[in-house]
mmCIF file of all heavy atoms, coordinates in Angstrom:
data_MODEL
# 
_entry.id   MODEL 
# 
loop_
_atom_site.group_PDB 
_atom_site.id 
_atom_site.type_symbol 
_atom_site.label_atom_id 
_atom_site.label_alt_id 
_atom_site.label_comp_id 
_atom_site.label_asym_id 
_atom_site.label_entity_id 
_atom_site.label_seq_id 
_atom_site.pdbx_PDB_ins_code 
_atom_site.Cartn_x 
_atom_site.Cartn_y 
_atom_site.Cartn_z 
_atom_site.occupancy 
_atom_site.B_iso_or_equiv 
_atom_site.pdbx_formal_charge 
_atom_site.auth_seq_id 
_atom_site.auth_comp_id 
_atom_site.auth_asym_id 
_atom_site.auth_atom_id 
_atom_site.pdbx_PDB_model_num 
ATOM 1   N N   . PHE A 1 1  ? -6.183 -35.828 8.835  1.00 0.00 ? 1  PHE A N   1 
ATOM 2   C CA  . PHE A 1 1  ? -4.863 -35.595 9.418  1.00 0.00 ? 1  PHE A CA  1 
ATOM 3   C C   . PHE A 1 1  ? -4.992 -34.726 10.598 1.00 0.00 ? 1  PHE A C   1 
ATOM 4   O O   . PHE A 1 1  ? -5.531 -33.594 10.576 1.00 0.00 ? 1  PHE A O   1 
ATOM 5   C CB  . PHE A 1 1  ? -3.956 -34.936 8.365  1.00 0.00 ? 1  PHE A CB  1 
ATOM 6   C CG  . PHE A 1 1  ? -2.600 -34.589 8.903  1.00 0.00 ? 1  PHE A CG  1 
ATOM 7   C CD1 . PHE A 1 1  ? -1.731 -35.623 9.233  1.00 0.00 ? 1  PHE A CD1 1 
ATOM 8   C CD2 . PHE A 1 1  ? -2.215 -33.310 9.030  1.00 0.00 ? 1  PHE A CD2 1 
ATOM 9   C CE1 . PHE A 1 1  ? -0.474 -35.303 9.750  1.00 0.00 ? 1  PHE A CE1 1 
ATOM 10  C CE2 . PHE A 1 1  ? -0.985 -33.004 9.556  1.00 0.00 ? 1  PHE A CE2 1 
ATOM 11  C CZ  . PHE A 1 1  ? -0.069 -34.007 9.873  1.00 0.00 ? 1  PHE A CZ  1 
ATOM 12  N N   . HIS A 1 2  ? -4.425 -35.155 11.746 1.00 0.00 ? 2  HIS A N   1 
ATOM 13  C CA  . HIS A 1 2  ? -4.318 -34.412 13.005 1.00 0.00 ? 2  HIS A CA  1 
ATOM 14  C C   . HIS A 1 2  ? -2.955 -34.119 13.317 1.00 0.00 ? 2  HIS A C   1 
ATOM 15  O O   . HIS A 1 2  ? -2.149 -35.021 13.572 1.00 0.00 ? 2  HIS A O   1 
ATOM 16  C CB  . HIS A 1 2  ? -4.991 -35.290 14.138 1.00 0.00 ? 2  HIS A CB  1 
ATOM 17  C CG  . HIS A 1 2  ? -4.917 -34.610 15.514 1.00 0.00 ? 2  HIS A CG  1 
ATOM 18  N ND1 . HIS A 1 2  ? -5.164 -35.335 16.636 1.00 0.00 ? 2  HIS A ND1 1 
ATOM 19  C CD2 . HIS A 1 2  ? -4.490 -33.380 15.879 1.00 0.00 ? 2  HIS A CD2 1 
ATOM 20  C CE1 . HIS A 1 2  ? -4.983 -34.510 17.665 1.00 0.00 ? 2  HIS A CE1 1 
ATOM 21  N NE2 . HIS A 1 2  ? -4.578 -33.334 17.260 1.00 0.00 ? 2  HIS A NE2 1 
ATOM 22  N N   . GLY A 1 3  ? -2.605 -32.875 13.194 1.00 0.00 ? 3  GLY A N   1 
ATOM 23  C CA  . GLY A 1 3  ? -1.284 -32.402 13.585 1.00 0.00 ? 3  GLY A CA  1 
ATOM 24  C C   . GLY A 1 3  ? -1.377 -31.762 14.973 1.00 0.00 ? 3  GLY A C   1 
ATOM 25  O O   . GLY A 1 3  ? -2.077 -30.798 15.188 1.00 0.00 ? 3  GLY A O   1 
ATOM 26  N N   . SER A 1 4  ? -0.592 -32.359 15.911 1.00 0.00 ? 4  SER A N   1 
ATOM 27  C CA  . SER A 1 4  ? -0.659 -31.920 17.350 1.00 0.00 ? 4  SER A CA  1 
ATOM 28  C C   . SER A 1 4  ? 0.569  -31.158 17.783 1.00 0.00 ? 4  SER A C   1 
ATOM 29  O O   . SER A 1 4  ? 1.726  -31.564 17.431 1.00 0.00 ? 4  SER A O   1 
ATOM 30  C CB  . SER A 1 4  ? -0.909 -33.146 18.224 1.00 0.00 ? 4  SER A CB  1 
ATOM 31  O OG  . SER A 1 4  ? -1.036 -32.722 19.599 1.00 0.00 ? 4  SER A OG  1 
ATOM 32  N N   . GLU A 1 5  ? 0.374  -30.107 18.512 1.00 0.00 ? 5  GLU A N   1 
ATOM 33  C CA  . GLU A 1 5  ? 1.478  -29.179 19.001 1.00 0.00 ? 5  GLU A CA  1 
ATOM 34  C C   . GLU A 1 5  ? 2.445  -28.801 17.795 1.00 0.00 ? 5  GLU A C   1 
ATOM 35  O O   . GLU A 1 5  ? 3.614  -28.946 17.890 1.00 0.00 ? 5  GLU A O   1 
ATOM 36  C CB  . GLU A 1 5  ? 2.212  -29.861 20.080 1.00 0.00 ? 5  GLU A CB  1 
ATOM 37  C CG  . GLU A 1 5  ? 1.392  -29.961 21.421 1.00 0.00 ? 5  GLU A CG  1 
ATOM 38  C CD  . GLU A 1 5  ? 1.101  -28.638 22.063 1.00 0.00 ? 5  GLU A CD  1 
ATOM 39  O OE1 . GLU A 1 5  ? 1.501  -27.581 21.537 1.00 0.00 ? 5  GLU A OE1 1 
ATOM 40  O OE2 . GLU A 1 5  ? 0.379  -28.666 23.095 1.00 0.00 ? 5  GLU A OE2 1 
ATOM 41  N N   . VAL A 1 6  ? 1.774  -28.265 16.780 1.00 0.00 ? 6  VAL A N   1 
ATOM 42  C CA  . VAL A 1 6  ? 2.481  -28.018 15.524 1.00 0.00 ? 6  VAL A CA  1 
ATOM 43  C C   . VAL A 1 6  ? 3.577  -26.993 15.721 1.00 0.00 ? 6  VAL A C   1 
ATOM 44  O O   . VAL A 1 6  ? 4.647  -27.024 15.030 1.00 0.00 ? 6  VAL A O   1 
ATOM 45  C CB  . VAL A 1 6  ? 1.526  -27.602 14.428 1.00 0.00 ? 6  VAL A CB  1 
ATOM 46  C CG1 . VAL A 1 6  ? 2.232  -27.222 13.135 1.00 0.00 ? 6  VAL A CG1 1 
ATOM 47  C CG2 . VAL A 1 6  ? 0.487  -28.712 14.189 1.00 0.00 ? 6  VAL A CG2 1 
ATOM 48  N N   . ALA A 1 7  ? 3.387  -26.008 16.567 1.00 0.00 ? 7  ALA A N   1 
ATOM 49  C CA  . ALA A 1 7  ? 4.414  -24.988 16.817 1.00 0.00 ? 7  ALA A CA  1 
ATOM 50  C C   . ALA A 1 7  ? 5.702  -25.572 17.383 1.00 0.00 ? 7  ALA A C   1 
ATOM 51  O O   . ALA A 1 7  ? 6.779  -24.880 17.334 1.00 0.00 ? 7  ALA A O   1 
ATOM 52  C CB  . ALA A 1 7  ? 3.829  -23.923 17.844 1.00 0.00 ? 7  ALA A CB  1 
ATOM 53  N N   . TYR A 1 8  ? 5.625  -26.793 17.903 1.00 0.00 ? 8  TYR A N   1 
ATOM 54  C CA  . TYR A 1 8  ? 6.860  -27.428 18.514 1.00 0.00 ? 8  TYR A CA  1 
ATOM 55  C C   . TYR A 1 8  ? 7.411  -28.482 17.559 1.00 0.00 ? 8  TYR A C   1 
ATOM 56  O O   . TYR A 1 8  ? 8.357  -29.154 17.969 1.00 0.00 ? 8  TYR A O   1 
ATOM 57  C CB  . TYR A 1 8  ? 6.446  -28.068 19.812 1.00 0.00 ? 8  TYR A CB  1 
ATOM 58  C CG  . TYR A 1 8  ? 6.098  -27.048 20.878 1.00 0.00 ? 8  TYR A CG  1 
ATOM 59  C CD1 . TYR A 1 8  ? 4.757  -26.570 20.930 1.00 0.00 ? 8  TYR A CD1 1 
ATOM 60  C CD2 . TYR A 1 8  ? 6.956  -26.563 21.822 1.00 0.00 ? 8  TYR A CD2 1 
ATOM 61  C CE1 . TYR A 1 8  ? 4.347  -25.590 21.871 1.00 0.00 ? 8  TYR A CE1 1 
ATOM 62  C CE2 . TYR A 1 8  ? 6.583  -25.600 22.727 1.00 0.00 ? 8  TYR A CE2 1 
ATOM 63  C CZ  . TYR A 1 8  ? 5.303  -25.139 22.760 1.00 0.00 ? 8  TYR A CZ  1 
ATOM 64  O OH  . TYR A 1 8  ? 4.948  -24.178 23.708 1.00 0.00 ? 8  TYR A OH  1 
ATOM 65  N N   . TRP A 1 9  ? 6.907  -28.643 16.363 1.00 0.00 ? 9  TRP A N   1 
ATOM 66  C CA  . TRP A 1 9  ? 7.494  -29.661 15.451 1.00 0.00 ? 9  TRP A CA  1 
ATOM 67  C C   . TRP A 1 9  ? 8.899  -29.310 15.000 1.00 0.00 ? 9  TRP A C   1 
ATOM 68  O O   . TRP A 1 9  ? 9.113  -28.162 14.529 1.00 0.00 ? 9  TRP A O   1 
ATOM 69  C CB  . TRP A 1 9  ? 6.647  -29.731 14.174 1.00 0.00 ? 9  TRP A CB  1 
ATOM 70  C CG  . TRP A 1 9  ? 5.417  -30.466 14.237 1.00 0.00 ? 9  TRP A CG  1 
ATOM 71  C CD1 . TRP A 1 9  ? 4.806  -31.080 15.351 1.00 0.00 ? 9  TRP A CD1 1 
ATOM 72  C CD2 . TRP A 1 9  ? 4.434  -30.575 13.186 1.00 0.00 ? 9  TRP A CD2 1 
ATOM 73  N NE1 . TRP A 1 9  ? 3.623  -31.625 14.982 1.00 0.00 ? 9  TRP A NE1 1 
ATOM 74  C CE2 . TRP A 1 9  ? 3.369  -31.357 13.671 1.00 0.00 ? 9  TRP A CE2 1 
ATOM 75  C CE3 . TRP A 1 9  ? 4.394  -30.171 11.824 1.00 0.00 ? 9  TRP A CE3 1 
ATOM 76  C CZ2 . TRP A 1 9  ? 2.243  -31.678 12.851 1.00 0.00 ? 9  TRP A CZ2 1 
ATOM 77  C CZ3 . TRP A 1 9  ? 3.329  -30.505 11.051 1.00 0.00 ? 9  TRP A CZ3 1 
ATOM 78  C CH2 . TRP A 1 9  ? 2.273  -31.231 11.547 1.00 0.00 ? 9  TRP A CH2 1 
ATOM 79  N N   . PRO A 1 10 ? 9.829  -30.173 15.200 1.00 0.00 ? 10 PRO A N   1 
ATOM 80  C CA  . PRO A 1 10 ? 11.108 -30.014 14.446 1.00 0.00 ? 10 PRO A CA  1 
ATOM 81  C C   . PRO A 1 10 ? 10.814 -30.377 12.968 1.00 0.00 ? 10 PRO A C   1 
ATOM 82  O O   . PRO A 1 10 ? 9.914  -31.116 12.680 1.00 0.00 ? 10 PRO A O   1 
ATOM 83  C CB  . PRO A 1 10 ? 12.035 -31.048 15.107 1.00 0.00 ? 10 PRO A CB  1 
ATOM 84  C CG  . PRO A 1 10 ? 11.104 -32.089 15.679 1.00 0.00 ? 10 PRO A CG  1 
ATOM 85  C CD  . PRO A 1 10 ? 9.834  -31.385 16.030 1.00 0.00 ? 10 PRO A CD  1 
ATOM 86  N N   . ASN A 1 11 ? 11.566 -29.712 12.093 1.00 0.00 ? 11 ASN A N   1 
ATOM 87  C CA  . ASN A 1 11 ? 11.419 -29.942 10.661 1.00 0.00 ? 11 ASN A CA  1 
ATOM 88  C C   . ASN A 1 11 ? 9.974  -29.656 10.198 1.00 0.00 ? 11 ASN A C   1 
ATOM 89  O O   . ASN A 1 11 ? 9.411  -30.286 9.260  1.00 0.00 ? 11 ASN A O   1 
ATOM 90  C CB  . ASN A 1 11 ? 11.638 -31.445 10.340 1.00 0.00 ? 11 ASN A CB  1 
ATOM 91  C CG  . ASN A 1 11 ? 12.963 -31.980 10.880 1.00 0.00 ? 11 ASN A CG  1 
ATOM 92  O OD1 . ASN A 1 11 ? 14.008 -31.370 10.710 1.00 0.00 ? 11 ASN A OD1 1 
ATOM 93  N ND2 . ASN A 1 11 ? 12.909 -33.103 11.599 1.00 0.00 ? 11 ASN A ND2 1 
ATOM 94  N N   . ALA A 1 12 ? 9.358  -28.616 10.799 1.00 0.00 ? 12 ALA A N   1 
ATOM 95  C CA  . ALA A 1 12 ? 8.004  -28.236 10.452 1.00 0.00 ? 12 ALA A CA  1 
ATOM 96  C C   . ALA A 1 12 ? 7.816  -27.931 9.016  1.00 0.00 ? 12 ALA A C   1 
ATOM 97  O O   . ALA A 1 12 ? 6.803  -28.317 8.396  1.00 0.00 ? 12 ALA A O   1 
ATOM 98  C CB  . ALA A 1 12 ? 7.508  -27.061 11.341 1.00 0.00 ? 12 ALA A CB  1 
ATOM 99  N N   . ARG A 1 13 ? 8.720  -27.196 8.398  1.00 0.00 ? 13 ARG A N   1 
ATOM 100 C CA  . ARG A 1 13 ? 8.578  -26.851 6.972  1.00 0.00 ? 13 ARG A CA  1 
ATOM 101 C C   . ARG A 1 13 ? 8.521  -28.064 6.104  1.00 0.00 ? 13 ARG A C   1 
ATOM 102 O O   . ARG A 1 13 ? 7.769  -28.146 5.172  1.00 0.00 ? 13 ARG A O   1 
ATOM 103 C CB  . ARG A 1 13 ? 9.705  -25.897 6.549  1.00 0.00 ? 13 ARG A CB  1 
ATOM 104 C CG  . ARG A 1 13 ? 9.486  -25.259 5.155  1.00 0.00 ? 13 ARG A CG  1 
ATOM 105 C CD  . ARG A 1 13 ? 10.539 -24.208 4.963  1.00 0.00 ? 13 ARG A CD  1 
ATOM 106 N NE  . ARG A 1 13 ? 10.405 -23.090 5.902  1.00 0.00 ? 13 ARG A NE  1 
ATOM 107 C CZ  . ARG A 1 13 ? 9.598  -22.078 5.807  1.00 0.00 ? 13 ARG A CZ  1 
ATOM 108 N NH1 . ARG A 1 13 ? 8.787  -21.968 4.744  1.00 0.00 ? 13 ARG A NH1 1 
ATOM 109 N NH2 . ARG A 1 13 ? 9.575  -21.114 6.729  1.00 0.00 ? 13 ARG A NH2 1 
ATOM 110 N N   . ASP A 1 14 ? 9.370  -29.091 6.428  1.00 0.00 ? 14 ASP A N   1 
ATOM 111 C CA  . ASP A 1 14 ? 9.369  -30.332 5.688  1.00 0.00 ? 14 ASP A CA  1 
ATOM 112 C C   . ASP A 1 14 ? 8.023  -31.012 5.764  1.00 0.00 ? 14 ASP A C   1 
ATOM 113 O O   . ASP A 1 14 ? 7.584  -31.632 4.810  1.00 0.00 ? 14 ASP A O   1 
ATOM 114 C CB  . ASP A 1 14 ? 10.502 -31.212 6.120  1.00 0.00 ? 14 ASP A CB  1 
ATOM 115 C CG  . ASP A 1 14 ? 11.857 -30.654 5.701  1.00 0.00 ? 14 ASP A CG  1 
ATOM 116 O OD1 . ASP A 1 14 ? 12.063 -30.351 4.545  1.00 0.00 ? 14 ASP A OD1 1 
ATOM 117 O OD2 . ASP A 1 14 ? 12.711 -30.556 6.590  1.00 0.00 ? 14 ASP A OD2 1 
ATOM 118 N N   . HIS A 1 15 ? 7.470  -31.036 7.010  1.00 0.00 ? 15 HIS A N   1 
ATOM 119 C CA  . HIS A 1 15 ? 6.212  -31.772 7.165  1.00 0.00 ? 15 HIS A CA  1 
ATOM 120 C C   . HIS A 1 15 ? 5.058  -31.060 6.512  1.00 0.00 ? 15 HIS A C   1 
ATOM 121 O O   . HIS A 1 15 ? 4.146  -31.679 5.914  1.00 0.00 ? 15 HIS A O   1 
ATOM 122 C CB  . HIS A 1 15 ? 5.874  -31.852 8.739  1.00 0.00 ? 15 HIS A CB  1 
ATOM 123 C CG  . HIS A 1 15 ? 6.841  -32.760 9.456  1.00 0.00 ? 15 HIS A CG  1 
ATOM 124 N ND1 . HIS A 1 15 ? 7.202  -33.974 8.990  1.00 0.00 ? 15 HIS A ND1 1 
ATOM 125 C CD2 . HIS A 1 15 ? 7.561  -32.548 10.596 1.00 0.00 ? 15 HIS A CD2 1 
ATOM 126 C CE1 . HIS A 1 15 ? 8.100  -34.523 9.815  1.00 0.00 ? 15 HIS A CE1 1 
ATOM 127 N NE2 . HIS A 1 15 ? 8.295  -33.700 10.795 1.00 0.00 ? 15 HIS A NE2 1 
ATOM 128 N N   . PHE A 1 16 ? 5.055  -29.687 6.453  1.00 0.00 ? 16 PHE A N   1 
ATOM 129 C CA  . PHE A 1 16 ? 4.018  -29.012 5.727  1.00 0.00 ? 16 PHE A CA  1 
ATOM 130 C C   . PHE A 1 16 ? 4.194  -29.253 4.260  1.00 0.00 ? 16 PHE A C   1 
ATOM 131 O O   . PHE A 1 16 ? 3.141  -29.337 3.541  1.00 0.00 ? 16 PHE A O   1 
ATOM 132 C CB  . PHE A 1 16 ? 4.148  -27.486 5.985  1.00 0.00 ? 16 PHE A CB  1 
ATOM 133 C CG  . PHE A 1 16 ? 3.374  -27.025 7.186  1.00 0.00 ? 16 PHE A CG  1 
ATOM 134 C CD1 . PHE A 1 16 ? 3.997  -27.004 8.415  1.00 0.00 ? 16 PHE A CD1 1 
ATOM 135 C CD2 . PHE A 1 16 ? 2.090  -26.640 7.110  1.00 0.00 ? 16 PHE A CD2 1 
ATOM 136 C CE1 . PHE A 1 16 ? 3.282  -26.548 9.534  1.00 0.00 ? 16 PHE A CE1 1 
ATOM 137 C CE2 . PHE A 1 16 ? 1.361  -26.195 8.182  1.00 0.00 ? 16 PHE A CE2 1 
ATOM 138 C CZ  . PHE A 1 16 ? 1.984  -26.215 9.461  1.00 0.00 ? 16 PHE A CZ  1 
ATOM 139 N N   . ALA A 1 17 ? 5.381  -29.476 3.760  1.00 0.00 ? 17 ALA A N   1 
ATOM 140 C CA  . ALA A 1 17 ? 5.576  -29.766 2.350  1.00 0.00 ? 17 ALA A CA  1 
ATOM 141 C C   . ALA A 1 17 ? 5.382  -31.249 2.023  1.00 0.00 ? 17 ALA A C   1 
ATOM 142 O O   . ALA A 1 17 ? 5.183  -31.583 0.850  1.00 0.00 ? 17 ALA A O   1 
ATOM 143 C CB  . ALA A 1 17 ? 6.965  -29.303 1.882  1.00 0.00 ? 17 ALA A CB  1 
ATOM 144 N N   . GLY A 1 18 ? 5.416  -32.115 3.087  1.00 0.00 ? 18 GLY A N   1 
ATOM 145 C CA  . GLY A 1 18 ? 5.365  -33.533 2.834  1.00 0.00 ? 18 GLY A CA  1 
ATOM 146 C C   . GLY A 1 18 ? 4.066  -34.212 3.252  1.00 0.00 ? 18 GLY A C   1 
ATOM 147 O O   . GLY A 1 18 ? 3.180  -34.396 2.414  1.00 0.00 ? 18 GLY A O   1 
ATOM 148 N N   . VAL A 1 19 ? 3.962  -34.498 4.566  1.00 0.00 ? 19 VAL A N   1 
ATOM 149 C CA  . VAL A 1 19 ? 2.839  -35.306 4.999  1.00 0.00 ? 19 VAL A CA  1 
ATOM 150 C C   . VAL A 1 19 ? 1.462  -34.608 4.771  1.00 0.00 ? 19 VAL A C   1 
ATOM 151 O O   . VAL A 1 19 ? 0.481  -35.276 4.424  1.00 0.00 ? 19 VAL A O   1 
ATOM 152 C CB  . VAL A 1 19 ? 2.997  -35.707 6.475  1.00 0.00 ? 19 VAL A CB  1 
ATOM 153 C CG1 . VAL A 1 19 ? 2.929  -34.477 7.388  1.00 0.00 ? 19 VAL A CG1 1 
ATOM 154 C CG2 . VAL A 1 19 ? 1.925  -36.708 6.865  1.00 0.00 ? 19 VAL A CG2 1 
ATOM 155 N N   . MET A 1 20 ? 1.445  -33.265 4.877  1.00 0.00 ? 20 MET A N   1 
ATOM 156 C CA  . MET A 1 20 ? 0.142  -32.632 4.622  1.00 0.00 ? 20 MET A CA  1 
ATOM 157 C C   . MET A 1 20 ? -0.245 -32.718 3.157  1.00 0.00 ? 20 MET A C   1 
ATOM 158 O O   . MET A 1 20 ? -1.440 -32.611 2.880  1.00 0.00 ? 20 MET A O   1 
ATOM 159 C CB  . MET A 1 20 ? 0.279  -31.161 5.106  1.00 0.00 ? 20 MET A CB  1 
ATOM 160 C CG  . MET A 1 20 ? 0.157  -31.049 6.639  1.00 0.00 ? 20 MET A CG  1 
ATOM 161 S SD  . MET A 1 20 ? 0.207  -29.388 7.197  1.00 0.00 ? 20 MET A SD  1 
ATOM 162 C CE  . MET A 1 20 ? -1.042 -28.604 6.183  1.00 0.00 ? 20 MET A CE  1 
ATOM 163 N N   . GLN A 1 21 ? 0.705  -32.874 2.265  1.00 0.00 ? 21 GLN A N   1 
ATOM 164 C CA  . GLN A 1 21 ? 0.374  -33.043 0.891  1.00 0.00 ? 21 GLN A CA  1 
ATOM 165 C C   . GLN A 1 21 ? -0.188 -34.447 0.581  1.00 0.00 ? 21 GLN A C   1 
ATOM 166 O O   . GLN A 1 21 ? -0.697 -34.681 -0.504 1.00 0.00 ? 21 GLN A O   1 
ATOM 167 C CB  . GLN A 1 21 ? 1.572  -32.795 0.003  1.00 0.00 ? 21 GLN A CB  1 
ATOM 168 C CG  . GLN A 1 21 ? 2.213  -31.453 0.177  1.00 0.00 ? 21 GLN A CG  1 
ATOM 169 C CD  . GLN A 1 21 ? 1.214  -30.284 -0.024 1.00 0.00 ? 21 GLN A CD  1 
ATOM 170 O OE1 . GLN A 1 21 ? 0.482  -30.296 -0.949 1.00 0.00 ? 21 GLN A OE1 1 
ATOM 171 N NE2 . GLN A 1 21 ? 1.185  -29.338 0.930  1.00 0.00 ? 21 GLN A NE2 1 
ATOM 172 N N   . ALA A 1 22 ? -0.148 -35.321 1.593  1.00 0.00 ? 22 ALA A N   1 
ATOM 173 C CA  . ALA A 1 22 ? -0.679 -36.687 1.404  1.00 0.00 ? 22 ALA A CA  1 
ATOM 174 C C   . ALA A 1 22 ? -2.224 -36.613 1.544  1.00 0.00 ? 22 ALA A C   1 
ATOM 175 O O   . ALA A 1 22 ? -2.878 -37.690 1.229  1.00 0.00 ? 22 ALA A O   1 
ATOM 176 C CB  . ALA A 1 22 ? -0.103 -37.620 2.475  1.00 0.00 ? 22 ALA A CB  1 
ATOM 177 N N   . VAL A 1 23 ? -2.823 -35.509 1.977  1.00 0.00 ? 23 VAL A N   1 
ATOM 178 C CA  . VAL A 1 23 ? -4.271 -35.355 1.997  1.00 0.00 ? 23 VAL A CA  1 
ATOM 179 C C   . VAL A 1 23 ? -4.719 -34.718 0.743  1.00 0.00 ? 23 VAL A C   1 
ATOM 180 O O   . VAL A 1 23 ? -4.430 -33.533 0.430  1.00 0.00 ? 23 VAL A O   1 
ATOM 181 C CB  . VAL A 1 23 ? -4.658 -34.526 3.211  1.00 0.00 ? 23 VAL A CB  1 
ATOM 182 C CG1 . VAL A 1 23 ? -6.204 -34.469 3.318  1.00 0.00 ? 23 VAL A CG1 1 
ATOM 183 C CG2 . VAL A 1 23 ? -4.098 -35.091 4.525  1.00 0.00 ? 23 VAL A CG2 1 
ATOM 184 N N   . PRO A 1 24 ? -5.475 -35.376 -0.090 1.00 0.00 ? 24 PRO A N   1 
ATOM 185 C CA  . PRO A 1 24 ? -5.912 -34.799 -1.383 1.00 0.00 ? 24 PRO A CA  1 
ATOM 186 C C   . PRO A 1 24 ? -6.917 -33.648 -1.148 1.00 0.00 ? 24 PRO A C   1 
ATOM 187 O O   . PRO A 1 24 ? -7.611 -33.631 -0.123 1.00 0.00 ? 24 PRO A O   1 
ATOM 188 C CB  . PRO A 1 24 ? -6.594 -35.969 -2.102 1.00 0.00 ? 24 PRO A CB  1 
ATOM 189 C CG  . PRO A 1 24 ? -7.038 -36.916 -1.016 1.00 0.00 ? 24 PRO A CG  1 
ATOM 190 C CD  . PRO A 1 24 ? -5.991 -36.770 0.065  1.00 0.00 ? 24 PRO A CD  1 
ATOM 191 N N   . ASP A 1 25 ? -6.936 -32.716 -2.060 1.00 0.00 ? 25 ASP A N   1 
ATOM 192 C CA  . ASP A 1 25 ? -7.813 -31.599 -1.959 1.00 0.00 ? 25 ASP A CA  1 
ATOM 193 C C   . ASP A 1 25 ? -9.211 -31.984 -2.446 1.00 0.00 ? 25 ASP A C   1 
ATOM 194 O O   . ASP A 1 25 ? -9.689 -31.478 -3.536 1.00 0.00 ? 25 ASP A O   1 
ATOM 195 C CB  . ASP A 1 25 ? -7.266 -30.462 -2.786 1.00 0.00 ? 25 ASP A CB  1 
ATOM 196 C CG  . ASP A 1 25 ? -7.882 -29.096 -2.455 1.00 0.00 ? 25 ASP A CG  1 
ATOM 197 O OD1 . ASP A 1 25 ? -8.573 -29.044 -1.421 1.00 0.00 ? 25 ASP A OD1 1 
ATOM 198 O OD2 . ASP A 1 25 ? -7.762 -28.191 -3.346 1.00 0.00 ? 25 ASP A OD2 1 
# 
């Protein structure tokens, strides 16, 4: 997963709780 210009994401909290959880540990 490549997150680009993360400081400028709208809805950043939702993305941290959503798409980033799609990467298994």
